[in-house]
N, C-alpha and C. Protein backbone atom coordinates (compact mmCIF):
# COMPACT_ATOMS: atom_id res chain seq x y z
N MET A 1 22.01 -19.80 8.75
CA MET A 1 20.55 -19.39 8.46
C MET A 1 20.09 -18.90 9.87
N LEU A 2 20.64 -19.55 11.15
CA LEU A 2 20.22 -19.04 12.41
C LEU A 2 20.81 -17.63 12.75
N ARG A 3 22.11 -17.64 12.49
CA ARG A 3 22.85 -16.08 12.61
C ARG A 3 21.94 -15.00 11.75
N LYS A 4 21.77 -15.43 10.43
CA LYS A 4 20.83 -14.34 9.66
C LYS A 4 19.49 -14.08 10.19
N SER A 5 18.70 -15.08 10.70
CA SER A 5 17.43 -15.04 11.26
C SER A 5 17.60 -14.06 12.70
N VAL A 6 18.35 -14.67 13.55
CA VAL A 6 18.70 -13.69 14.76
C VAL A 6 18.71 -12.55 14.63
N SER A 7 20.10 -12.11 13.77
CA SER A 7 20.46 -10.80 13.65
C SER A 7 19.53 -9.73 12.85
N GLY A 8 18.67 -10.43 12.08
CA GLY A 8 17.82 -9.96 11.31
C GLY A 8 16.57 -9.34 12.16
N LEU A 9 16.33 -10.38 12.96
CA LEU A 9 15.25 -9.80 13.96
C LEU A 9 15.89 -8.58 14.91
N ALA A 10 17.26 -8.94 15.26
CA ALA A 10 17.73 -7.76 16.20
C ALA A 10 17.72 -6.45 15.63
N THR A 11 17.98 -6.56 14.28
CA THR A 11 18.37 -5.33 13.65
C THR A 11 16.68 -4.59 13.34
N ILE A 12 15.88 -5.52 13.27
CA ILE A 12 14.20 -5.05 12.86
C ILE A 12 13.69 -4.17 14.44
N VAL A 13 14.36 -5.07 15.38
CA VAL A 13 13.55 -4.55 16.78
C VAL A 13 14.29 -2.94 16.78
N GLU A 14 15.70 -2.89 16.65
CA GLU A 14 16.53 -1.75 16.82
C GLU A 14 16.02 -0.40 15.88
N ARG A 15 15.73 -1.24 14.59
CA ARG A 15 15.21 -0.01 13.99
C ARG A 15 13.91 0.57 13.97
N PHE A 16 13.06 -0.13 14.70
CA PHE A 16 11.79 0.28 14.84
C PHE A 16 11.57 0.69 16.23
N ARG A 17 12.67 0.59 17.14
CA ARG A 17 12.38 1.27 18.51
C ARG A 17 12.18 2.85 18.75
N PRO A 18 13.21 3.25 17.99
CA PRO A 18 12.95 4.86 18.39
C PRO A 18 11.69 5.57 17.60
N ARG A 19 11.11 4.72 16.77
CA ARG A 19 9.90 5.36 16.17
C ARG A 19 8.71 5.44 17.14
N PHE A 20 8.80 4.43 18.04
CA PHE A 20 7.78 4.17 18.67
C PHE A 20 7.39 5.44 19.91
N GLU A 21 8.46 6.25 19.90
CA GLU A 21 8.29 7.59 21.03
C GLU A 21 8.02 9.04 20.26
N ARG A 22 7.68 9.16 19.17
CA ARG A 22 8.21 10.36 18.45
C ARG A 22 6.65 11.22 18.33
N HIS A 23 6.17 11.23 17.00
CA HIS A 23 5.28 12.36 16.60
C HIS A 23 3.87 11.66 17.03
N LYS A 24 2.91 13.34 16.77
CA LYS A 24 1.86 12.65 16.98
C LYS A 24 1.28 11.91 15.68
N LEU A 25 0.12 10.75 16.09
CA LEU A 25 -0.35 10.32 15.05
C LEU A 25 -1.61 11.13 14.45
N ASP A 26 -1.22 11.91 13.50
CA ASP A 26 -2.28 12.86 13.18
C ASP A 26 -2.72 12.81 11.74
N THR A 27 -2.21 11.72 11.11
CA THR A 27 -2.38 11.64 9.44
C THR A 27 -2.65 10.07 9.55
N PRO A 28 -3.44 9.54 8.41
CA PRO A 28 -3.54 8.49 8.30
C PRO A 28 -2.30 7.44 7.81
N GLU A 29 -1.27 8.34 7.27
CA GLU A 29 0.08 7.94 6.67
C GLU A 29 0.87 7.45 8.12
N ARG A 30 0.85 8.47 8.96
CA ARG A 30 1.55 8.24 10.19
C ARG A 30 1.00 7.15 10.88
N LEU A 31 -0.37 7.04 11.07
CA LEU A 31 -1.11 5.98 11.84
C LEU A 31 -0.82 4.72 11.24
N ALA A 32 -0.79 4.66 9.79
CA ALA A 32 -0.47 3.28 9.21
C ALA A 32 0.76 2.89 9.54
N ASP A 33 1.83 3.76 9.62
CA ASP A 33 3.05 3.39 9.96
C ASP A 33 3.19 2.79 11.01
N PHE A 34 2.92 3.56 12.20
CA PHE A 34 2.64 3.25 13.53
C PHE A 34 2.40 1.75 13.79
N LEU A 35 1.05 1.39 12.84
CA LEU A 35 0.64 0.40 12.87
C LEU A 35 1.32 -0.68 12.38
N ARG A 36 2.12 -0.60 11.41
CA ARG A 36 2.86 -1.62 10.68
C ARG A 36 4.26 -1.80 11.57
N THR A 37 4.74 -0.96 12.00
CA THR A 37 5.94 -1.09 12.85
C THR A 37 5.51 -1.61 13.79
N ARG A 38 4.70 -1.32 14.92
CA ARG A 38 4.25 -2.02 16.17
C ARG A 38 3.70 -3.26 15.79
N SER A 39 2.99 -3.68 14.93
CA SER A 39 2.48 -4.91 14.59
C SER A 39 3.63 -5.99 14.48
N SER A 40 4.48 -5.44 13.58
CA SER A 40 5.80 -6.17 13.05
C SER A 40 6.55 -6.47 14.54
N TYR A 41 6.77 -5.77 15.27
CA TYR A 41 7.56 -5.95 16.42
C TYR A 41 6.80 -6.66 17.38
N VAL A 42 5.66 -6.73 17.57
CA VAL A 42 4.83 -7.60 18.33
C VAL A 42 4.92 -8.94 17.98
N ALA A 43 4.43 -9.16 16.63
CA ALA A 43 4.44 -10.17 16.11
C ALA A 43 5.61 -11.12 16.12
N GLN A 44 7.03 -10.47 15.83
CA GLN A 44 8.07 -11.14 15.83
C GLN A 44 8.81 -11.09 16.93
N THR A 45 8.79 -10.38 18.10
CA THR A 45 9.28 -10.72 19.05
C THR A 45 8.59 -11.82 20.06
N SER A 46 7.16 -11.86 19.83
CA SER A 46 6.53 -12.89 20.46
C SER A 46 6.73 -14.03 19.85
N LEU A 47 6.85 -14.07 18.57
CA LEU A 47 6.88 -15.60 17.96
C LEU A 47 8.38 -16.14 18.03
N TYR A 48 9.38 -15.48 17.87
CA TYR A 48 10.79 -15.84 18.08
C TYR A 48 11.16 -16.09 19.67
N GLY A 49 10.26 -15.28 20.39
CA GLY A 49 10.64 -15.48 21.88
C GLY A 49 10.02 -16.89 22.37
N TYR A 50 8.80 -17.05 21.52
CA TYR A 50 8.25 -18.42 21.89
C TYR A 50 9.03 -19.58 21.67
N LEU A 51 9.31 -19.63 20.37
CA LEU A 51 10.14 -20.65 19.78
C LEU A 51 11.54 -20.91 20.47
N LYS A 52 12.23 -19.86 20.55
CA LYS A 52 13.48 -20.06 21.57
C LYS A 52 13.21 -20.54 22.86
N THR A 53 12.29 -20.27 23.44
CA THR A 53 11.88 -20.79 24.91
C THR A 53 11.62 -22.03 24.93
N ARG A 54 10.57 -22.60 23.78
CA ARG A 54 10.31 -24.00 23.79
C ARG A 54 11.51 -24.89 23.29
N MET A 55 12.29 -24.56 22.63
CA MET A 55 13.26 -25.36 21.85
C MET A 55 14.70 -25.45 22.85
N GLY A 56 14.65 -24.41 23.83
CA GLY A 56 15.80 -24.40 24.70
C GLY A 56 17.31 -24.41 24.08
N THR A 57 17.97 -25.20 24.57
CA THR A 57 19.62 -25.33 23.84
C THR A 57 19.51 -25.86 22.50
N SER A 58 18.46 -26.57 22.11
CA SER A 58 18.68 -27.07 20.81
C SER A 58 18.13 -26.28 19.82
N TYR A 59 17.57 -25.07 20.09
CA TYR A 59 17.24 -23.86 19.11
C TYR A 59 17.91 -24.07 17.88
N ARG A 60 19.32 -23.98 17.95
CA ARG A 60 20.10 -23.92 16.79
C ARG A 60 19.88 -24.67 15.65
N VAL A 61 19.61 -26.14 16.11
CA VAL A 61 19.44 -27.18 15.45
C VAL A 61 18.25 -27.00 14.52
N TYR A 62 17.37 -26.46 15.09
CA TYR A 62 16.02 -26.24 14.41
C TYR A 62 15.87 -25.01 13.24
N PHE A 63 16.39 -24.03 13.83
CA PHE A 63 16.95 -22.71 13.00
C PHE A 63 17.56 -22.91 11.68
N GLU A 64 18.44 -23.89 11.99
CA GLU A 64 19.56 -24.01 10.67
C GLU A 64 18.67 -25.10 9.74
N ASP A 65 17.49 -25.62 10.00
CA ASP A 65 17.15 -26.61 9.01
C ASP A 65 16.21 -25.57 8.19
N ASP A 66 16.20 -25.70 6.85
CA ASP A 66 15.86 -24.91 5.89
C ASP A 66 14.27 -24.99 5.76
N VAL A 67 13.73 -26.39 5.99
CA VAL A 67 12.24 -26.28 6.05
C VAL A 67 11.59 -25.70 7.08
N PHE A 68 12.36 -25.89 8.49
CA PHE A 68 11.78 -25.11 9.58
C PHE A 68 11.88 -23.63 9.59
N SER A 69 12.83 -22.98 8.88
CA SER A 69 13.08 -21.85 8.78
C SER A 69 12.06 -21.14 7.96
N ALA A 70 11.67 -21.97 6.79
CA ALA A 70 10.46 -21.46 5.80
C ALA A 70 9.18 -21.55 6.74
N SER A 71 9.05 -22.40 7.52
CA SER A 71 7.97 -22.31 8.41
C SER A 71 7.75 -21.31 9.17
N ILE A 72 9.02 -20.81 9.84
CA ILE A 72 9.39 -19.89 10.93
C ILE A 72 8.76 -18.24 9.93
N ARG A 73 8.98 -18.21 8.85
CA ARG A 73 8.88 -16.91 8.05
C ARG A 73 7.34 -17.08 7.65
N THR A 74 6.88 -18.29 7.38
CA THR A 74 5.38 -18.13 7.01
C THR A 74 4.52 -17.85 8.01
N ALA A 75 4.68 -18.45 9.48
CA ALA A 75 4.03 -18.14 10.56
C ALA A 75 4.32 -16.42 11.07
N ALA A 76 5.36 -15.95 10.66
CA ALA A 76 5.83 -14.58 11.15
C ALA A 76 4.97 -13.58 10.15
N VAL A 77 4.61 -14.04 9.12
CA VAL A 77 3.88 -13.29 8.39
C VAL A 77 2.48 -13.29 8.53
N LYS A 78 1.86 -14.44 8.69
CA LYS A 78 0.50 -14.50 9.18
C LYS A 78 0.17 -13.87 10.51
N LEU A 79 0.95 -14.10 11.43
CA LEU A 79 1.10 -13.29 12.86
C LEU A 79 0.98 -11.91 12.62
N PHE A 80 1.85 -11.63 11.79
CA PHE A 80 1.96 -10.01 11.32
C PHE A 80 0.40 -9.51 10.85
N LEU A 81 -0.08 -10.15 9.99
CA LEU A 81 -1.30 -9.71 9.48
C LEU A 81 -2.47 -9.79 10.59
N SER A 82 -2.39 -10.67 11.51
CA SER A 82 -3.22 -10.80 12.44
C SER A 82 -3.09 -10.01 13.55
N CYS A 83 -1.84 -9.52 13.91
CA CYS A 83 -1.61 -8.42 14.96
C CYS A 83 -2.01 -7.34 14.41
N LEU A 84 -1.64 -6.83 13.17
CA LEU A 84 -2.08 -5.72 12.20
C LEU A 84 -3.43 -5.30 12.42
N ALA A 85 -4.40 -6.36 12.21
CA ALA A 85 -5.98 -6.34 11.99
C ALA A 85 -6.33 -5.95 13.38
N ASP A 86 -5.92 -6.65 14.73
CA ASP A 86 -6.28 -6.20 15.74
C ASP A 86 -5.93 -4.93 16.37
N LEU A 87 -4.84 -4.27 15.91
CA LEU A 87 -4.43 -3.24 16.48
C LEU A 87 -4.91 -2.07 15.50
N THR A 88 -5.32 -2.12 14.45
CA THR A 88 -5.85 -1.19 13.28
C THR A 88 -7.18 -1.05 14.04
N VAL A 89 -8.14 -2.06 14.37
CA VAL A 89 -9.47 -1.84 14.66
C VAL A 89 -9.56 -0.99 16.10
N PHE A 90 -8.62 -1.58 16.89
CA PHE A 90 -8.48 -0.84 18.19
C PHE A 90 -8.19 0.88 17.78
N ALA A 91 -7.21 0.97 17.02
CA ALA A 91 -6.81 2.45 16.95
C ALA A 91 -7.86 3.13 15.99
N ALA A 92 -8.64 2.74 15.06
CA ALA A 92 -9.63 3.19 14.79
C ALA A 92 -10.74 3.42 15.64
N ALA A 93 -11.06 2.54 16.40
CA ALA A 93 -11.80 2.66 17.41
C ALA A 93 -11.80 3.84 18.31
N LEU A 94 -10.41 3.89 18.85
CA LEU A 94 -10.14 4.92 19.73
C LEU A 94 -10.09 6.26 19.03
N SER A 95 -9.80 6.56 17.62
CA SER A 95 -10.03 7.55 17.18
C SER A 95 -11.65 8.37 17.14
N GLY A 96 -12.55 7.47 17.31
CA GLY A 96 -13.93 7.63 17.31
C GLY A 96 -14.63 7.66 18.67
N LYS A 97 -13.79 7.34 19.48
CA LYS A 97 -14.44 7.12 20.87
C LYS A 97 -14.95 8.47 21.36
N ASP A 98 -14.62 9.65 20.89
CA ASP A 98 -15.30 10.85 21.56
C ASP A 98 -15.94 11.43 20.73
N GLY A 99 -16.45 10.69 19.45
CA GLY A 99 -17.31 11.23 18.60
C GLY A 99 -16.81 12.11 17.40
N THR A 100 -15.39 12.27 17.56
CA THR A 100 -14.83 12.83 16.43
C THR A 100 -15.20 12.10 15.00
N LEU A 101 -15.13 10.94 15.01
CA LEU A 101 -15.48 10.00 13.81
C LEU A 101 -16.45 9.24 14.16
N PRO A 102 -17.71 9.23 13.12
CA PRO A 102 -18.56 8.41 13.15
C PRO A 102 -17.99 7.06 13.01
N PRO A 103 -19.08 5.99 12.92
CA PRO A 103 -18.60 4.52 12.87
C PRO A 103 -18.22 4.15 11.49
N ASP A 104 -18.99 5.00 10.38
CA ASP A 104 -18.52 4.65 9.32
C ASP A 104 -17.07 5.43 8.66
N GLY A 105 -16.83 6.51 9.36
CA GLY A 105 -15.59 7.05 9.39
C GLY A 105 -14.59 6.49 10.13
N ALA A 106 -14.48 5.76 11.07
CA ALA A 106 -13.79 4.97 11.93
C ALA A 106 -13.43 3.89 11.14
N ALA A 107 -14.50 2.94 10.32
CA ALA A 107 -14.29 1.84 9.52
C ALA A 107 -13.38 2.41 8.26
N ALA A 108 -13.80 3.32 7.63
CA ALA A 108 -12.97 3.94 6.48
C ALA A 108 -11.28 4.08 6.88
N LEU A 109 -11.27 4.71 8.10
CA LEU A 109 -9.63 4.83 8.53
C LEU A 109 -9.16 3.47 8.75
N ALA A 110 -10.18 2.47 9.34
CA ALA A 110 -9.27 1.19 9.49
C ALA A 110 -8.83 0.62 8.04
N GLN A 111 -9.96 0.63 7.27
CA GLN A 111 -9.57 -0.04 5.96
C GLN A 111 -8.54 0.60 5.21
N HIS A 112 -8.43 1.78 5.11
CA HIS A 112 -7.21 2.49 4.42
C HIS A 112 -5.75 2.31 5.40
N CYS A 113 -5.75 2.22 6.55
CA CYS A 113 -4.69 2.05 7.20
C CYS A 113 -4.09 0.61 7.11
N PHE A 114 -5.20 -0.47 7.22
CA PHE A 114 -4.73 -1.77 7.35
C PHE A 114 -4.20 -2.27 5.82
N ARG A 115 -4.84 -1.62 4.70
CA ARG A 115 -4.35 -1.97 3.34
C ARG A 115 -2.82 -1.31 3.17
N GLN A 116 -2.57 -0.12 3.54
CA GLN A 116 -1.40 0.64 3.60
C GLN A 116 -0.26 0.03 4.23
N ALA A 117 -0.64 -0.53 5.45
CA ALA A 117 0.47 -1.00 6.40
C ALA A 117 0.71 -2.64 6.07
N ALA A 118 -0.28 -3.24 5.52
CA ALA A 118 -0.19 -4.75 5.25
C ALA A 118 0.73 -4.69 3.86
N GLU A 119 0.55 -3.97 2.95
CA GLU A 119 1.12 -3.97 1.79
C GLU A 119 2.59 -3.60 1.76
N ARG A 120 2.91 -2.50 2.66
CA ARG A 120 4.32 -2.06 3.04
C ARG A 120 5.08 -3.09 3.94
N GLY A 121 4.47 -3.65 5.08
CA GLY A 121 4.81 -4.87 5.80
C GLY A 121 5.11 -6.26 4.97
N LEU A 122 4.51 -6.44 4.04
CA LEU A 122 4.64 -7.70 3.27
C LEU A 122 5.97 -7.38 2.07
N ALA A 123 5.94 -6.43 1.70
CA ALA A 123 6.86 -5.80 0.72
C ALA A 123 8.18 -5.77 1.52
N ASP A 124 8.31 -5.41 2.61
CA ASP A 124 9.62 -5.29 3.39
C ASP A 124 10.11 -6.58 3.62
N ALA A 125 8.95 -7.53 3.88
CA ALA A 125 9.50 -9.17 4.19
C ALA A 125 9.61 -9.76 3.09
N GLY A 126 9.35 -9.39 1.68
CA GLY A 126 9.51 -10.02 0.72
C GLY A 126 8.43 -11.21 0.58
N ALA A 127 7.44 -10.94 0.91
CA ALA A 127 6.48 -12.00 1.04
C ALA A 127 5.30 -11.72 -0.02
N GLY A 128 5.55 -10.86 -0.82
CA GLY A 128 4.63 -10.85 -1.93
C GLY A 128 3.21 -9.91 -1.62
N ALA A 129 2.23 -9.75 -2.41
CA ALA A 129 0.93 -9.12 -2.31
C ALA A 129 0.30 -9.73 -0.89
N VAL A 130 -0.63 -8.71 -0.60
CA VAL A 130 -1.66 -9.36 0.63
C VAL A 130 -2.60 -10.03 0.01
N PRO A 131 -2.84 -11.06 0.67
CA PRO A 131 -3.75 -12.30 0.07
C PRO A 131 -5.17 -11.62 0.29
N ALA A 132 -5.96 -11.77 -1.15
CA ALA A 132 -7.17 -11.32 -1.20
C ALA A 132 -7.99 -11.58 -0.02
N GLU A 133 -7.97 -13.06 0.41
CA GLU A 133 -8.66 -13.43 1.72
C GLU A 133 -8.59 -12.70 2.93
N THR A 134 -7.10 -12.22 2.97
CA THR A 134 -6.97 -11.45 4.24
C THR A 134 -7.72 -10.13 4.15
N LEU A 135 -7.83 -9.45 2.95
CA LEU A 135 -8.40 -8.25 2.85
C LEU A 135 -10.04 -8.64 3.14
N GLU A 136 -10.27 -9.53 2.45
CA GLU A 136 -11.92 -9.77 2.63
C GLU A 136 -12.32 -9.91 3.97
N ARG A 137 -11.40 -10.97 4.60
CA ARG A 137 -11.71 -11.27 6.16
C ARG A 137 -11.85 -9.66 6.86
N PHE A 138 -10.66 -9.06 6.61
CA PHE A 138 -10.76 -7.79 7.21
C PHE A 138 -11.94 -6.77 7.38
N ASP A 139 -12.35 -6.91 5.89
CA ASP A 139 -13.51 -6.11 5.63
C ASP A 139 -14.89 -6.64 6.45
N LEU A 140 -14.87 -8.05 6.37
CA LEU A 140 -15.85 -8.47 7.27
C LEU A 140 -16.06 -8.04 8.79
N ARG A 141 -14.72 -8.13 9.05
CA ARG A 141 -14.53 -7.58 10.75
C ARG A 141 -15.05 -6.20 10.40
N LEU A 142 -14.60 -5.27 9.85
CA LEU A 142 -15.09 -4.04 10.11
C LEU A 142 -16.63 -3.86 10.05
N ARG A 143 -17.16 -4.72 9.21
CA ARG A 143 -18.78 -4.58 9.22
C ARG A 143 -19.50 -5.06 10.66
N ALA A 144 -18.63 -5.92 11.08
CA ALA A 144 -19.13 -6.37 12.32
C ALA A 144 -18.87 -5.71 13.59
N THR A 145 -17.96 -4.94 13.45
CA THR A 145 -17.51 -4.36 14.68
C THR A 145 -18.23 -3.33 15.50
N ASP A 146 -18.35 -3.39 16.76
CA ASP A 146 -18.94 -2.35 17.40
C ASP A 146 -18.11 -1.43 18.08
N TRP A 147 -17.82 -0.21 17.30
CA TRP A 147 -16.85 0.63 17.53
C TRP A 147 -16.60 0.91 19.07
N THR A 148 -17.66 1.32 19.51
CA THR A 148 -17.63 1.85 21.10
C THR A 148 -16.89 0.65 22.06
N ALA A 149 -17.28 -0.40 21.51
CA ALA A 149 -16.82 -1.64 22.43
C ALA A 149 -15.56 -1.74 22.05
N ALA A 150 -15.06 -1.70 20.74
CA ALA A 150 -13.66 -2.05 20.50
C ALA A 150 -12.88 -1.36 21.05
N ALA A 151 -13.06 0.18 21.29
CA ALA A 151 -12.10 0.88 22.21
C ALA A 151 -12.26 0.71 23.56
N ALA A 152 -13.32 0.44 24.14
CA ALA A 152 -13.46 0.00 25.57
C ALA A 152 -13.04 -1.20 25.95
N ASP A 153 -12.77 -2.19 24.89
CA ASP A 153 -12.71 -3.66 25.38
C ASP A 153 -11.16 -3.59 25.76
N GLY A 154 -10.21 -2.67 25.33
CA GLY A 154 -8.95 -2.84 25.70
C GLY A 154 -8.23 -4.20 25.19
N ARG A 155 -7.71 -4.78 26.26
CA ARG A 155 -7.13 -6.12 26.16
C ARG A 155 -7.71 -7.09 25.25
N HIS A 156 -9.23 -7.00 25.52
CA HIS A 156 -10.15 -8.23 24.80
C HIS A 156 -10.12 -7.73 23.05
N ALA A 157 -9.80 -6.67 22.72
CA ALA A 157 -9.77 -6.23 21.32
C ALA A 157 -8.58 -6.96 20.53
N PHE A 158 -7.67 -7.73 21.34
CA PHE A 158 -6.47 -8.33 20.82
C PHE A 158 -6.49 -9.81 21.20
N ALA A 159 -7.76 -10.67 21.02
CA ALA A 159 -7.71 -11.84 21.38
C ALA A 159 -7.50 -12.63 20.08
N GLY A 160 -7.55 -11.87 18.74
CA GLY A 160 -7.56 -12.73 17.84
C GLY A 160 -6.03 -12.96 17.56
N SER A 161 -4.96 -11.95 17.71
CA SER A 161 -3.60 -12.20 17.48
C SER A 161 -3.03 -13.19 18.48
N GLU A 162 -3.61 -13.05 19.91
CA GLU A 162 -3.49 -13.88 21.25
C GLU A 162 -3.60 -15.42 20.62
N ALA A 163 -4.74 -15.73 19.94
CA ALA A 163 -4.94 -16.97 19.62
C ALA A 163 -4.04 -17.50 18.52
N ASP A 164 -3.97 -16.42 17.55
CA ASP A 164 -3.08 -17.07 16.41
C ASP A 164 -1.64 -17.50 16.50
N LEU A 165 -0.81 -16.56 17.70
CA LEU A 165 0.37 -16.79 17.90
C LEU A 165 0.44 -18.17 18.50
N VAL A 166 -0.29 -18.82 19.18
CA VAL A 166 -0.10 -20.28 19.37
C VAL A 166 -0.68 -21.04 18.20
N ARG A 167 -1.67 -20.62 17.42
CA ARG A 167 -2.21 -21.31 16.23
C ARG A 167 -0.89 -21.57 15.16
N PHE A 168 -0.41 -20.27 14.79
CA PHE A 168 0.22 -20.26 13.69
C PHE A 168 2.05 -20.97 13.99
N ALA A 169 2.51 -20.74 15.39
CA ALA A 169 3.67 -21.08 15.60
C ALA A 169 3.86 -22.59 15.14
N PRO A 170 5.10 -22.63 14.65
CA PRO A 170 5.39 -24.10 13.98
C PRO A 170 5.99 -25.03 15.31
N VAL A 171 4.86 -25.44 16.02
CA VAL A 171 5.10 -26.23 17.37
C VAL A 171 3.91 -27.42 17.49
N ILE A 172 4.26 -28.57 17.55
CA ILE A 172 3.34 -29.45 17.69
C ILE A 172 2.14 -29.11 18.58
N ASP A 173 0.98 -29.84 18.34
CA ASP A 173 0.03 -29.49 19.09
C ASP A 173 -0.08 -29.50 20.58
N GLU A 174 0.62 -30.81 20.91
CA GLU A 174 0.82 -31.22 22.62
C GLU A 174 1.39 -29.99 23.13
N TYR A 175 2.58 -29.41 22.52
CA TYR A 175 3.21 -28.36 23.22
C TYR A 175 2.32 -27.10 23.27
N LYS A 176 1.67 -26.95 22.06
CA LYS A 176 0.88 -25.59 22.15
C LYS A 176 -0.17 -25.77 23.62
N ALA A 177 -0.66 -26.75 23.60
CA ALA A 177 -1.80 -27.16 24.44
C ALA A 177 -1.25 -26.67 26.33
N LEU A 178 0.00 -27.18 26.14
CA LEU A 178 1.00 -26.85 27.66
C LEU A 178 1.26 -25.55 27.68
N ASP A 179 1.49 -24.84 26.47
CA ASP A 179 2.11 -23.35 26.71
C ASP A 179 1.03 -22.48 26.56
N ARG A 180 -0.16 -22.62 26.03
CA ARG A 180 -1.10 -21.41 25.79
C ARG A 180 -1.30 -20.38 26.50
N GLU A 181 -1.35 -20.57 27.64
CA GLU A 181 -1.48 -19.51 28.85
C GLU A 181 -0.31 -18.88 28.91
N ILE A 182 0.78 -19.24 29.13
CA ILE A 182 2.03 -18.58 29.35
C ILE A 182 2.16 -17.82 27.91
N VAL A 183 2.04 -18.35 26.56
CA VAL A 183 2.31 -17.85 25.55
C VAL A 183 1.50 -16.57 25.02
N THR A 184 -0.04 -16.76 25.42
CA THR A 184 -0.67 -15.59 25.39
C THR A 184 -0.52 -14.50 26.29
N ASN A 185 -0.28 -14.75 27.53
CA ASN A 185 0.17 -13.61 28.24
C ASN A 185 1.54 -12.91 27.96
N SER A 186 2.39 -13.52 27.19
CA SER A 186 3.42 -12.93 26.77
C SER A 186 3.08 -11.72 25.58
N ILE A 187 2.25 -12.10 24.65
CA ILE A 187 1.87 -11.18 23.76
C ILE A 187 0.84 -10.01 24.31
N ARG A 188 0.04 -10.73 25.20
CA ARG A 188 -0.55 -9.80 26.01
C ARG A 188 -0.01 -8.66 26.52
N PHE A 189 1.22 -9.00 27.29
CA PHE A 189 2.02 -8.06 27.91
C PHE A 189 2.74 -7.21 26.73
N ARG A 190 3.07 -7.28 25.80
CA ARG A 190 3.58 -6.45 24.87
C ARG A 190 2.44 -5.78 24.16
N TRP A 191 1.41 -5.94 24.26
CA TRP A 191 0.21 -5.39 23.48
C TRP A 191 0.12 -3.96 24.49
N ARG A 192 0.14 -3.96 25.77
CA ARG A 192 -0.17 -3.08 26.84
C ARG A 192 0.60 -1.98 26.38
N ASP A 193 1.95 -1.80 25.82
CA ASP A 193 2.51 -0.82 25.47
C ASP A 193 1.77 -0.18 24.21
N ALA A 194 1.55 -0.82 23.33
CA ALA A 194 1.19 -0.32 22.16
C ALA A 194 -0.04 0.40 22.44
N ARG A 195 -1.07 -0.28 23.30
CA ARG A 195 -2.45 0.78 23.47
C ARG A 195 -2.08 2.01 24.34
N ASP A 196 -0.95 2.02 25.01
CA ASP A 196 -0.72 3.02 25.96
C ASP A 196 -0.16 4.05 25.09
N GLN A 197 0.62 3.68 23.92
CA GLN A 197 1.28 4.81 22.93
C GLN A 197 -0.14 5.43 22.29
N LEU A 198 -0.62 4.46 21.96
CA LEU A 198 -2.02 5.01 21.10
C LEU A 198 -2.78 5.98 21.87
N ARG A 199 -3.13 5.78 22.84
CA ARG A 199 -4.11 6.68 23.88
C ARG A 199 -3.07 8.08 23.84
N ARG A 200 -1.79 8.08 24.30
CA ARG A 200 -1.05 9.24 24.25
C ARG A 200 -0.80 9.98 23.11
N ARG A 201 -0.66 9.35 22.04
CA ARG A 201 0.03 10.03 20.69
C ARG A 201 -1.41 10.32 19.56
N ILE A 202 -2.59 9.58 19.59
CA ILE A 202 -3.40 9.67 18.48
C ILE A 202 -3.82 10.95 18.66
N ASP A 203 -4.19 11.61 17.54
CA ASP A 203 -4.65 13.05 17.55
C ASP A 203 -6.29 12.67 16.70
N ALA A 204 -7.15 12.42 17.19
CA ALA A 204 -8.39 12.08 16.39
C ALA A 204 -9.17 13.13 15.50
N PRO A 205 -8.99 14.67 16.07
CA PRO A 205 -9.60 15.42 15.37
C PRO A 205 -8.66 15.63 14.14
N ALA A 206 -7.37 15.66 14.30
CA ALA A 206 -6.23 16.04 13.33
C ALA A 206 -6.62 14.70 11.94
N LEU A 207 -6.60 13.50 12.51
CA LEU A 207 -7.08 12.36 11.47
C LEU A 207 -8.30 12.59 10.66
N SER A 208 -9.26 13.11 11.80
CA SER A 208 -10.66 13.40 10.94
C SER A 208 -10.62 14.34 9.83
N GLY A 209 -9.93 15.42 10.10
CA GLY A 209 -9.44 16.34 9.02
C GLY A 209 -8.77 15.97 7.97
N ALA A 210 -7.63 15.35 8.37
CA ALA A 210 -6.67 14.76 7.14
C ALA A 210 -7.58 13.72 5.94
N MET A 211 -8.36 12.73 6.75
CA MET A 211 -9.09 11.81 5.99
C MET A 211 -10.01 12.73 4.88
N ARG A 212 -10.94 13.62 5.57
CA ARG A 212 -11.65 14.58 4.56
C ARG A 212 -10.93 14.99 3.48
N GLN A 213 -9.85 15.65 4.01
CA GLN A 213 -9.09 16.53 2.87
C GLN A 213 -8.29 15.50 1.97
N GLY A 214 -7.80 14.45 2.22
CA GLY A 214 -7.63 13.37 1.18
C GLY A 214 -8.59 12.65 0.42
N GLY A 215 -9.88 12.85 0.75
CA GLY A 215 -10.78 11.98 0.12
C GLY A 215 -11.23 10.88 0.47
N LEU A 216 -10.92 10.31 1.78
CA LEU A 216 -10.80 9.04 2.59
C LEU A 216 -11.95 8.76 3.33
N ASP A 217 -13.03 9.71 3.02
CA ASP A 217 -14.22 9.50 3.94
C ASP A 217 -15.03 8.26 3.74
N ALA A 218 -16.09 7.71 4.26
CA ALA A 218 -16.81 6.58 4.09
C ALA A 218 -17.39 6.62 2.78
N ALA A 219 -17.51 7.73 2.16
CA ALA A 219 -18.48 7.59 0.78
C ALA A 219 -17.27 7.21 -0.47
N ASP A 220 -16.23 7.09 -0.05
CA ASP A 220 -15.23 6.40 -1.03
C ASP A 220 -15.02 5.02 -0.77
N ARG A 221 -15.57 4.32 0.30
CA ARG A 221 -15.08 3.24 0.65
C ARG A 221 -15.86 2.04 -0.45
């Protein structure tokens, strides 16, 4: 089970790495694909890195335990959805930062991309359908989002996934309290690259046009 988990992670990381440096993010589909792969990468490398560091040389024993392995998979899915929510809101806010997309357009883009990316991500992981409560919670977040601030805040827009890495990790509370600062710094570092890539690659005018052409504007939400 350990070899399967570790080799599987390595395969995922290598498969996603080339996709981080390519085309412009000029359609909702391309943006959703970026959001899915990057969120999965950040979630898995952050979670597995934390667990391996905390367990030290005894990590093999833990990973070979069926119950613990199941808890890791559950934590990975939850953290993926949390990472996806943060990155999606930031990307949509970035799309509307220059006024290309109004707030309701940014919300419509975020809703579409989150649902598409979450469905594909969970299907790839064999984790079933996206929980209804996850979609409801994300929709509530969209209604409460200050889109200008979400783009301007940068690092602070990712506070949810930073907290959830510690919250969801299958580690006892005593260790979580000790590790919190180091662990949140580790995922914070990984998010910097995602934000930089979005700023370089996102094409807000093209996204806006593609949304109108595809009937994905706010009126259809």
